[in-house]
Amino acid sequence: MALQERPEVWDELVPVWDAFHALSRSRPVGCGPGAILISEILAWAGAFPPDDLPGFIQLIQTLDEAWLEHQRSKDGQKGQHPDHRQ
């Protein structure tokens, strides 16, 4: 991502942003990248306990959805769930 395209991350969300990037390396890959597994998010939260676990999970999953949608749009597969590709 070009430097000018990098999002501004509020200081209080930097740990979530860092966790998302670390967890992205654990995503399953088949015919394309899959969603980050909840078990991976919970393992991360066990090692680095967030103050608000439900909020942390929601933020990671929301970032993941946006990332997956971006990947699908780049691949010409917009709107398809990653598990339903052919």
PDB file of N, CA and C in Angstrom:
ATOM      1  N   MET A   1       0.851  -1.165   0.000  1.00  0.00           N
ATOM      2  CA  MET A   1       0.000   0.000   0.000  1.00  0.00           C
ATOM      3  C   MET A   1       0.896   1.227   0.000  1.00  0.00           C
ATOM      4  N   ALA A   2       0.611   2.153  -0.861  1.00  0.00           N
ATOM      5  CA  ALA A   2       1.390   3.375  -0.944  1.00  0.00           C
ATOM      6  C   ALA A   2       1.209   4.178   0.344  1.00  0.00           C
ATOM      7  N   LEU A   3       2.250   4.902   0.704  1.00  0.00           N
ATOM      8  CA  LEU A   3       2.229   5.657   1.951  1.00  0.00           C
ATOM      9  C   LEU A   3       1.037   6.605   2.037  1.00  0.00           C
ATOM     10  N   GLN A   4       0.694   7.276   0.946  1.00  0.00           N
ATOM     11  CA  GLN A   4      -0.423   8.218   0.984  1.00  0.00           C
ATOM     12  C   GLN A   4      -1.768   7.511   1.154  1.00  0.00           C
ATOM     13  N   GLU A   5      -1.836   6.208   0.922  1.00  0.00           N
ATOM     14  CA  GLU A   5      -3.078   5.454   1.068  1.00  0.00           C
ATOM     15  C   GLU A   5      -3.226   4.821   2.444  1.00  0.00           C
ATOM     16  N   ARG A   6      -2.209   4.953   3.289  1.00  0.00           N
ATOM     17  CA  ARG A   6      -2.273   4.322   4.607  1.00  0.00           C
ATOM     18  C   ARG A   6      -3.296   5.023   5.471  1.00  0.00           C
ATOM     19  N   PRO A   7      -4.133   4.259   6.161  1.00  0.00           N
ATOM     20  CA  PRO A   7      -5.146   4.881   7.022  1.00  0.00           C
ATOM     21  C   PRO A   7      -4.513   5.473   8.271  1.00  0.00           C
ATOM     22  N   GLU A   8      -5.169   6.491   8.797  1.00  0.00           N
ATOM     23  CA  GLU A   8      -4.755   7.043  10.081  1.00  0.00           C
ATOM     24  C   GLU A   8      -5.382   6.168  11.158  1.00  0.00           C
ATOM     25  N   VAL A   9      -4.576   5.673  12.065  1.00  0.00           N
ATOM     26  CA  VAL A   9      -5.071   4.806  13.133  1.00  0.00           C
ATOM     27  C   VAL A   9      -4.954   5.564  14.445  1.00  0.00           C
ATOM     28  N   TRP A  10      -6.069   5.698  15.133  1.00  0.00           N
ATOM     29  CA  TRP A  10      -6.068   6.370  16.429  1.00  0.00           C
ATOM     30  C   TRP A  10      -5.204   5.580  17.400  1.00  0.00           C
ATOM     31  N   ASP A  11      -4.536   6.276  18.285  1.00  0.00           N
ATOM     32  CA  ASP A  11      -3.607   5.652  19.230  1.00  0.00           C
ATOM     33  C   ASP A  11      -4.227   4.480  19.991  1.00  0.00           C
ATOM     34  N   GLU A  12      -5.487   4.641  20.428  1.00  0.00           N
ATOM     35  CA  GLU A  12      -6.117   3.578  21.229  1.00  0.00           C
ATOM     36  C   GLU A  12      -6.446   2.338  20.388  1.00  0.00           C
ATOM     37  N   LEU A  13      -6.413   2.465  19.052  1.00  0.00           N
ATOM     38  CA  LEU A  13      -6.698   1.320  18.187  1.00  0.00           C
ATOM     39  C   LEU A  13      -5.440   0.677  17.596  1.00  0.00           C
ATOM     40  N   VAL A  14      -4.273   1.223  17.909  1.00  0.00           N
ATOM     41  CA  VAL A  14      -3.023   0.652  17.386  1.00  0.00           C
ATOM     42  C   VAL A  14      -2.861  -0.817  17.794  1.00  0.00           C
ATOM     43  N   PRO A  15      -3.163  -1.211  19.057  1.00  0.00           N
ATOM     44  CA  PRO A  15      -3.039  -2.640  19.393  1.00  0.00           C
ATOM     45  C   PRO A  15      -3.962  -3.532  18.558  1.00  0.00           C
ATOM     46  N   VAL A  16      -5.155  -3.057  18.227  1.00  0.00           N
ATOM     47  CA  VAL A  16      -6.083  -3.834  17.389  1.00  0.00           C
ATOM     48  C   VAL A  16      -5.525  -3.925  15.969  1.00  0.00           C
ATOM     49  N   TRP A  17      -5.035  -2.817  15.441  1.00  0.00           N
ATOM     50  CA  TRP A  17      -4.452  -2.785  14.098  1.00  0.00           C
ATOM     51  C   TRP A  17      -3.261  -3.739  14.009  1.00  0.00           C
ATOM     52  N   ASP A  18      -2.394  -3.693  15.029  1.00  0.00           N
ATOM     53  CA  ASP A  18      -1.232  -4.589  15.054  1.00  0.00           C
ATOM     54  C   ASP A  18      -1.666  -6.047  15.139  1.00  0.00           C
ATOM     55  N   ALA A  19      -2.683  -6.328  15.963  1.00  0.00           N
ATOM     56  CA  ALA A  19      -3.191  -7.698  16.082  1.00  0.00           C
ATOM     57  C   ALA A  19      -3.763  -8.171  14.753  1.00  0.00           C
ATOM     58  N   PHE A  20      -4.516  -7.306  14.075  1.00  0.00           N
ATOM     59  CA  PHE A  20      -5.087  -7.677  12.785  1.00  0.00           C
ATOM     60  C   PHE A  20      -3.995  -8.057  11.790  1.00  0.00           C
ATOM     61  N   HIS A  21      -2.942  -7.257  11.730  1.00  0.00           N
ATOM     62  CA  HIS A  21      -1.863  -7.569  10.789  1.00  0.00           C
ATOM     63  C   HIS A  21      -1.153  -8.872  11.153  1.00  0.00           C
ATOM     64  N   ALA A  22      -0.936  -9.098  12.437  1.00  0.00           N
ATOM     65  CA  ALA A  22      -0.306 -10.358  12.856  1.00  0.00           C
ATOM     66  C   ALA A  22      -1.222 -11.540  12.571  1.00  0.00           C
ATOM     67  N   LEU A  23      -2.512 -11.398  12.868  1.00  0.00           N
ATOM     68  CA  LEU A  23      -3.465 -12.483  12.642  1.00  0.00           C
ATOM     69  C   LEU A  23      -3.696 -12.753  11.156  1.00  0.00           C
ATOM     70  N   SER A  24      -3.490 -11.763  10.320  1.00  0.00           N
ATOM     71  CA  SER A  24      -3.670 -11.958   8.878  1.00  0.00           C
ATOM     72  C   SER A  24      -2.753 -13.046   8.338  1.00  0.00           C
ATOM     73  N   ARG A  25      -1.612 -13.216   8.980  1.00  0.00           N
ATOM     74  CA  ARG A  25      -0.675 -14.264   8.546  1.00  0.00           C
ATOM     75  C   ARG A  25      -1.190 -15.662   8.853  1.00  0.00           C
ATOM     76  N   SER A  26      -2.212 -15.753   9.722  1.00  0.00           N
ATOM     77  CA  SER A  26      -2.722 -17.078  10.107  1.00  0.00           C
ATOM     78  C   SER A  26      -3.960 -17.472   9.310  1.00  0.00           C
ATOM     79  N   ARG A  27      -4.401 -16.603   8.389  1.00  0.00           N
ATOM     80  CA  ARG A  27      -5.646 -16.905   7.668  1.00  0.00           C
ATOM     81  C   ARG A  27      -5.467 -18.125   6.773  1.00  0.00           C
ATOM     82  N   PRO A  28      -6.513 -18.963   6.664  1.00  0.00           N
ATOM     83  CA  PRO A  28      -6.439 -20.123   5.779  1.00  0.00           C
ATOM     84  C   PRO A  28      -6.431 -19.679   4.315  1.00  0.00           C
ATOM     85  N   VAL A  29      -5.744 -20.445   3.507  1.00  0.00           N
ATOM     86  CA  VAL A  29      -5.675 -20.138   2.081  1.00  0.00           C
ATOM     87  C   VAL A  29      -6.019 -21.412   1.317  1.00  0.00           C
ATOM     88  N   GLY A  30      -6.991 -21.292   0.425  1.00  0.00           N
ATOM     89  CA  GLY A  30      -7.367 -22.411  -0.435  1.00  0.00           C
ATOM     90  C   GLY A  30      -7.361 -21.880  -1.849  1.00  0.00           C
ATOM     91  N   CYS A  31      -8.539 -21.572  -2.361  1.00  0.00           N
ATOM     92  CA  CYS A  31      -8.669 -20.949  -3.682  1.00  0.00           C
ATOM     93  C   CYS A  31      -8.464 -19.453  -3.579  1.00  0.00           C
ATOM     94  N   GLY A  32      -8.148 -18.997  -2.423  1.00  0.00           N
ATOM     95  CA  GLY A  32      -7.923 -17.592  -2.134  1.00  0.00           C
ATOM     96  C   GLY A  32      -7.875 -17.452  -0.629  1.00  0.00           C
ATOM     97  N   PRO A  33      -7.606 -16.253  -0.141  1.00  0.00           N
ATOM     98  CA  PRO A  33      -7.531 -16.085   1.307  1.00  0.00           C
ATOM     99  C   PRO A  33      -8.895 -16.233   1.964  1.00  0.00           C
ATOM    100  N   GLY A  34      -8.913 -16.854   3.127  1.00  0.00           N
ATOM    101  CA  GLY A  34     -10.131 -17.006   3.887  1.00  0.00           C
ATOM    102  C   GLY A  34     -10.143 -16.068   5.078  1.00  0.00           C
ATOM    103  N   ALA A  35     -11.226 -16.076   5.797  1.00  0.00           N
ATOM    104  CA  ALA A  35     -11.367 -15.227   6.985  1.00  0.00           C
ATOM    105  C   ALA A  35     -10.448 -15.732   8.103  1.00  0.00           C
ATOM    106  N   ILE A  36     -10.020 -14.797   8.929  1.00  0.00           N
ATOM    107  CA  ILE A  36      -9.242 -15.166  10.111  1.00  0.00           C
ATOM    108  C   ILE A  36     -10.162 -15.984  11.020  1.00  0.00           C
ATOM    109  N   LEU A  37      -9.691 -17.125  11.462  1.00  0.00           N
ATOM    110  CA  LEU A  37     -10.492 -18.022  12.296  1.00  0.00           C
ATOM    111  C   LEU A  37     -10.668 -17.446  13.695  1.00  0.00           C
ATOM    112  N   ILE A  38     -11.859 -17.648  14.265  1.00  0.00           N
ATOM    113  CA  ILE A  38     -12.131 -17.173  15.617  1.00  0.00           C
ATOM    114  C   ILE A  38     -11.155 -17.802  16.607  1.00  0.00           C
ATOM    115  N   SER A  39     -10.749 -19.031  16.366  1.00  0.00           N
ATOM    116  CA  SER A  39      -9.792 -19.684  17.261  1.00  0.00           C
ATOM    117  C   SER A  39      -8.458 -18.937  17.277  1.00  0.00           C
ATOM    118  N   GLU A  40      -8.062 -18.372  16.149  1.00  0.00           N
ATOM    119  CA  GLU A  40      -6.824 -17.591  16.084  1.00  0.00           C
ATOM    120  C   GLU A  40      -6.979 -16.273  16.840  1.00  0.00           C
ATOM    121  N   ILE A  41      -8.149 -15.650  16.696  1.00  0.00           N
ATOM    122  CA  ILE A  41      -8.409 -14.391  17.413  1.00  0.00           C
ATOM    123  C   ILE A  41      -8.400 -14.646  18.917  1.00  0.00           C
ATOM    124  N   LEU A  42      -9.039 -15.734  19.346  1.00  0.00           N
ATOM    125  CA  LEU A  42      -9.085 -16.061  20.774  1.00  0.00           C
ATOM    126  C   LEU A  42      -7.699 -16.427  21.304  1.00  0.00           C
ATOM    127  N   ALA A  43      -6.897 -17.098  20.505  1.00  0.00           N
ATOM    128  CA  ALA A  43      -5.533 -17.421  20.928  1.00  0.00           C
ATOM    129  C   ALA A  43      -4.727 -16.136  21.124  1.00  0.00           C
ATOM    130  N   TRP A  44      -4.880 -15.195  20.188  1.00  0.00           N
ATOM    131  CA  TRP A  44      -4.186 -13.913  20.320  1.00  0.00           C
ATOM    132  C   TRP A  44      -4.648 -13.202  21.596  1.00  0.00           C
ATOM    133  N   ALA A  45      -5.963 -13.184  21.813  1.00  0.00           N
ATOM    134  CA  ALA A  45      -6.514 -12.515  22.989  1.00  0.00           C
ATOM    135  C   ALA A  45      -6.058 -13.194  24.283  1.00  0.00           C
ATOM    136  N   GLY A  46      -5.801 -14.496  24.224  1.00  0.00           N
ATOM    137  CA  GLY A  46      -5.278 -15.187  25.398  1.00  0.00           C
ATOM    138  C   GLY A  46      -3.852 -14.785  25.707  1.00  0.00           C
ATOM    139  N   ALA A  47      -3.075 -14.548  24.661  1.00  0.00           N
ATOM    140  CA  ALA A  47      -1.677 -14.145  24.844  1.00  0.00           C
ATOM    141  C   ALA A  47      -1.550 -12.660  25.173  1.00  0.00           C
ATOM    142  N   PHE A  48      -2.440 -11.861  24.590  1.00  0.00           N
ATOM    143  CA  PHE A  48      -2.411 -10.401  24.765  1.00  0.00           C
ATOM    144  C   PHE A  48      -3.829  -9.945  25.121  1.00  0.00           C
ATOM    145  N   PRO A  49      -4.258 -10.161  26.369  1.00  0.00           N
ATOM    146  CA  PRO A  49      -5.657  -9.912  26.741  1.00  0.00           C
ATOM    147  C   PRO A  49      -6.100  -8.460  26.507  1.00  0.00           C
ATOM    148  N   PRO A  50      -7.140  -8.273  25.688  1.00  0.00           N
ATOM    149  CA  PRO A  50      -7.685  -6.926  25.502  1.00  0.00           C
ATOM    150  C   PRO A  50      -8.600  -6.563  26.672  1.00  0.00           C
ATOM    151  N   ASP A  51      -8.831  -5.273  26.853  1.00  0.00           N
ATOM    152  CA  ASP A  51      -9.732  -4.827  27.923  1.00  0.00           C
ATOM    153  C   ASP A  51     -11.167  -5.259  27.658  1.00  0.00           C
ATOM    154  N   ASP A  52     -11.548  -5.304  26.384  1.00  0.00           N
ATOM    155  CA  ASP A  52     -12.928  -5.614  25.987  1.00  0.00           C
ATOM    156  C   ASP A  52     -12.888  -6.714  24.923  1.00  0.00           C
ATOM    157  N   LEU A  53     -12.970  -7.965  25.357  1.00  0.00           N
ATOM    158  CA  LEU A  53     -12.849  -9.088  24.423  1.00  0.00           C
ATOM    159  C   LEU A  53     -13.911  -9.071  23.331  1.00  0.00           C
ATOM    160  N   PRO A  54     -15.210  -8.905  23.647  1.00  0.00           N
ATOM    161  CA  PRO A  54     -16.202  -8.875  22.564  1.00  0.00           C
ATOM    162  C   PRO A  54     -15.944  -7.740  21.565  1.00  0.00           C
ATOM    163  N   GLY A  55     -15.550  -6.581  22.069  1.00  0.00           N
ATOM    164  CA  GLY A  55     -15.243  -5.461  21.182  1.00  0.00           C
ATOM    165  C   GLY A  55     -14.028  -5.740  20.324  1.00  0.00           C
ATOM    166  N   PHE A  56     -13.007  -6.366  20.911  1.00  0.00           N
ATOM    167  CA  PHE A  56     -11.800  -6.730  20.171  1.00  0.00           C
ATOM    168  C   PHE A  56     -12.134  -7.691  19.039  1.00  0.00           C
ATOM    169  N   ILE A  57     -12.930  -8.715  19.347  1.00  0.00           N
ATOM    170  CA  ILE A  57     -13.319  -9.696  18.329  1.00  0.00           C
ATOM    171  C   ILE A  57     -14.083  -9.006  17.207  1.00  0.00           C
ATOM    172  N   GLN A  58     -15.015  -8.137  17.570  1.00  0.00           N
ATOM    173  CA  GLN A  58     -15.807  -7.439  16.555  1.00  0.00           C
ATOM    174  C   GLN A  58     -14.925  -6.564  15.670  1.00  0.00           C
ATOM    175  N   LEU A  59     -13.986  -5.857  16.262  1.00  0.00           N
ATOM    176  CA  LEU A  59     -13.101  -5.002  15.462  1.00  0.00           C
ATOM    177  C   LEU A  59     -12.233  -5.825  14.510  1.00  0.00           C
ATOM    178  N   ILE A  60     -11.670  -6.922  14.997  1.00  0.00           N
ATOM    179  CA  ILE A  60     -10.837  -7.774  14.135  1.00  0.00           C
ATOM    180  C   ILE A  60     -11.672  -8.336  12.996  1.00  0.00           C
ATOM    181  N   GLN A  61     -12.874  -8.822  13.303  1.00  0.00           N
ATOM    182  CA  GLN A  61     -13.719  -9.394  12.255  1.00  0.00           C
ATOM    183  C   GLN A  61     -14.184  -8.332  11.258  1.00  0.00           C
ATOM    184  N   THR A  62     -14.431  -7.119  11.719  1.00  0.00           N
ATOM    185  CA  THR A  62     -14.829  -6.038  10.817  1.00  0.00           C
ATOM    186  C   THR A  62     -13.676  -5.659   9.894  1.00  0.00           C
ATOM    187  N   LEU A  63     -12.478  -5.534  10.453  1.00  0.00           N
ATOM    188  CA  LEU A  63     -11.300  -5.263   9.618  1.00  0.00           C
ATOM    189  C   LEU A  63     -11.088  -6.387   8.614  1.00  0.00           C
ATOM    190  N   ASP A  64     -11.275  -7.618   9.072  1.00  0.00           N
ATOM    191  CA  ASP A  64     -11.086  -8.776   8.204  1.00  0.00           C
ATOM    192  C   ASP A  64     -12.090  -8.782   7.052  1.00  0.00           C
ATOM    193  N   GLU A  65     -13.352  -8.478   7.355  1.00  0.00           N
ATOM    194  CA  GLU A  65     -14.369  -8.401   6.297  1.00  0.00           C
ATOM    195  C   GLU A  65     -13.990  -7.361   5.249  1.00  0.00           C
ATOM    196  N   ALA A  66     -13.551  -6.197   5.714  1.00  0.00           N
ATOM    197  CA  ALA A  66     -13.158  -5.131   4.784  1.00  0.00           C
ATOM    198  C   ALA A  66     -11.971  -5.567   3.947  1.00  0.00           C
ATOM    199  N   TRP A  67     -10.997  -6.227   4.565  1.00  0.00           N
ATOM    200  CA  TRP A  67      -9.818  -6.683   3.831  1.00  0.00           C
ATOM    201  C   TRP A  67     -10.208  -7.729   2.783  1.00  0.00           C
ATOM    202  N   LEU A  68     -11.052  -8.684   3.186  1.00  0.00           N
ATOM    203  CA  LEU A  68     -11.490  -9.721   2.247  1.00  0.00           C
ATOM    204  C   LEU A  68     -12.277  -9.124   1.080  1.00  0.00           C
ATOM    205  N   GLU A  69     -13.147  -8.169   1.366  1.00  0.00           N
ATOM    206  CA  GLU A  69     -13.918  -7.506   0.301  1.00  0.00           C
ATOM    207  C   GLU A  69     -12.979  -6.782  -0.663  1.00  0.00           C
ATOM    208  N   HIS A  70     -11.976  -6.135  -0.112  1.00  0.00           N
ATOM    209  CA  HIS A  70     -10.985  -5.455  -0.962  1.00  0.00           C
ATOM    210  C   HIS A  70     -10.260  -6.466  -1.850  1.00  0.00           C
ATOM    211  N   GLN A  71      -9.868  -7.587  -1.279  1.00  0.00           N
ATOM    212  CA  GLN A  71      -9.187  -8.625  -2.054  1.00  0.00           C
ATOM    213  C   GLN A  71     -10.096  -9.168  -3.152  1.00  0.00           C
ATOM    214  N   ARG A  72     -11.360  -9.421  -2.819  1.00  0.00           N
ATOM    215  CA  ARG A  72     -12.298  -9.940  -3.817  1.00  0.00           C
ATOM    216  C   ARG A  72     -12.502  -8.929  -4.940  1.00  0.00           C
ATOM    217  N   SER A  73     -12.591  -7.650  -4.600  1.00  0.00           N
ATOM    218  CA  SER A  73     -12.797  -6.641  -5.645  1.00  0.00           C
ATOM    219  C   SER A  73     -11.569  -6.546  -6.542  1.00  0.00           C
ATOM    220  N   LYS A  74     -10.389  -6.730  -5.979  1.00  0.00           N
ATOM    221  CA  LYS A  74      -9.169  -6.734  -6.793  1.00  0.00           C
ATOM    222  C   LYS A  74      -9.140  -7.945  -7.716  1.00  0.00           C
ATOM    223  N   ASP A  75      -9.699  -9.037  -7.254  1.00  0.00           N
ATOM    224  CA  ASP A  75      -9.705 -10.281  -8.027  1.00  0.00           C
ATOM    225  C   ASP A  75     -10.921 -10.404  -8.937  1.00  0.00           C
ATOM    226  N   GLY A  76     -11.792  -9.393  -8.960  1.00  0.00           N
ATOM    227  CA  GLY A  76     -12.985  -9.444  -9.795  1.00  0.00           C
ATOM    228  C   GLY A  76     -14.061 -10.351  -9.258  1.00  0.00           C
ATOM    229  N   GLN A  77     -14.049 -10.586  -7.948  1.00  0.00           N
ATOM    230  CA  GLN A  77     -15.013 -11.490  -7.338  1.00  0.00           C
ATOM    231  C   GLN A  77     -15.854 -10.763  -6.309  1.00  0.00           C
ATOM    232  N   LYS A  78     -16.117  -9.492  -6.517  1.00  0.00           N
ATOM    233  CA  LYS A  78     -16.854  -8.682  -5.557  1.00  0.00           C
ATOM    234  C   LYS A  78     -18.212  -9.297  -5.247  1.00  0.00           C
ATOM    235  N   GLY A  79     -18.527  -9.313  -3.953  1.00  0.00           N
ATOM    236  CA  GLY A  79     -19.828  -9.781  -3.526  1.00  0.00           C
ATOM    237  C   GLY A  79     -19.891 -11.268  -3.250  1.00  0.00           C
ATOM    238  N   GLN A  80     -18.874 -12.027  -3.642  1.00  0.00           N
ATOM    239  CA  GLN A  80     -18.894 -13.465  -3.375  1.00  0.00           C
ATOM    240  C   GLN A  80     -18.227 -13.742  -2.043  1.00  0.00           C
ATOM    241  N   HIS A  81     -18.846 -14.581  -1.254  1.00  0.00           N
ATOM    242  CA  HIS A  81     -18.242 -15.017  -0.012  1.00  0.00           C
ATOM    243  C   HIS A  81     -17.055 -15.907  -0.370  1.00  0.00           C
ATOM    244  N   PRO A  82     -15.927 -15.790   0.364  1.00  0.00           N
ATOM    245  CA  PRO A  82     -14.740 -16.573  -0.002  1.00  0.00           C
ATOM    246  C   PRO A  82     -14.966 -18.076  -0.006  1.00  0.00           C
ATOM    247  N   ASP A  83     -15.928 -18.568   0.755  1.00  0.00           N
ATOM    248  CA  ASP A  83     -16.183 -20.013   0.793  1.00  0.00           C
ATOM    249  C   ASP A  83     -17.049 -20.476  -0.375  1.00  0.00           C
ATOM    250  N   HIS A  84     -17.572 -19.538  -1.195  1.00  0.00           N
ATOM    251  CA  HIS A  84     -18.467 -19.902  -2.298  1.00  0.00           C
ATOM    252  C   HIS A  84     -17.871 -19.608  -3.668  1.00  0.00           C
ATOM    253  N   ARG A  85     -16.575 -19.489  -3.732  1.00  0.00           N
ATOM    254  CA  ARG A  85     -15.939 -19.242  -5.035  1.00  0.00           C
ATOM    255  C   ARG A  85     -15.916 -20.533  -5.835  1.00  0.00           C
ATOM    256  N   GLN A  86     -15.903 -20.385  -7.146  1.00  0.00           N
ATOM    257  CA  GLN A  86     -15.834 -21.584  -7.991  1.00  0.00           C
ATOM    258  C   GLN A  86     -14.600 -21.549  -8.842  1.00  0.00           C
TER     259      GLN A  86
END
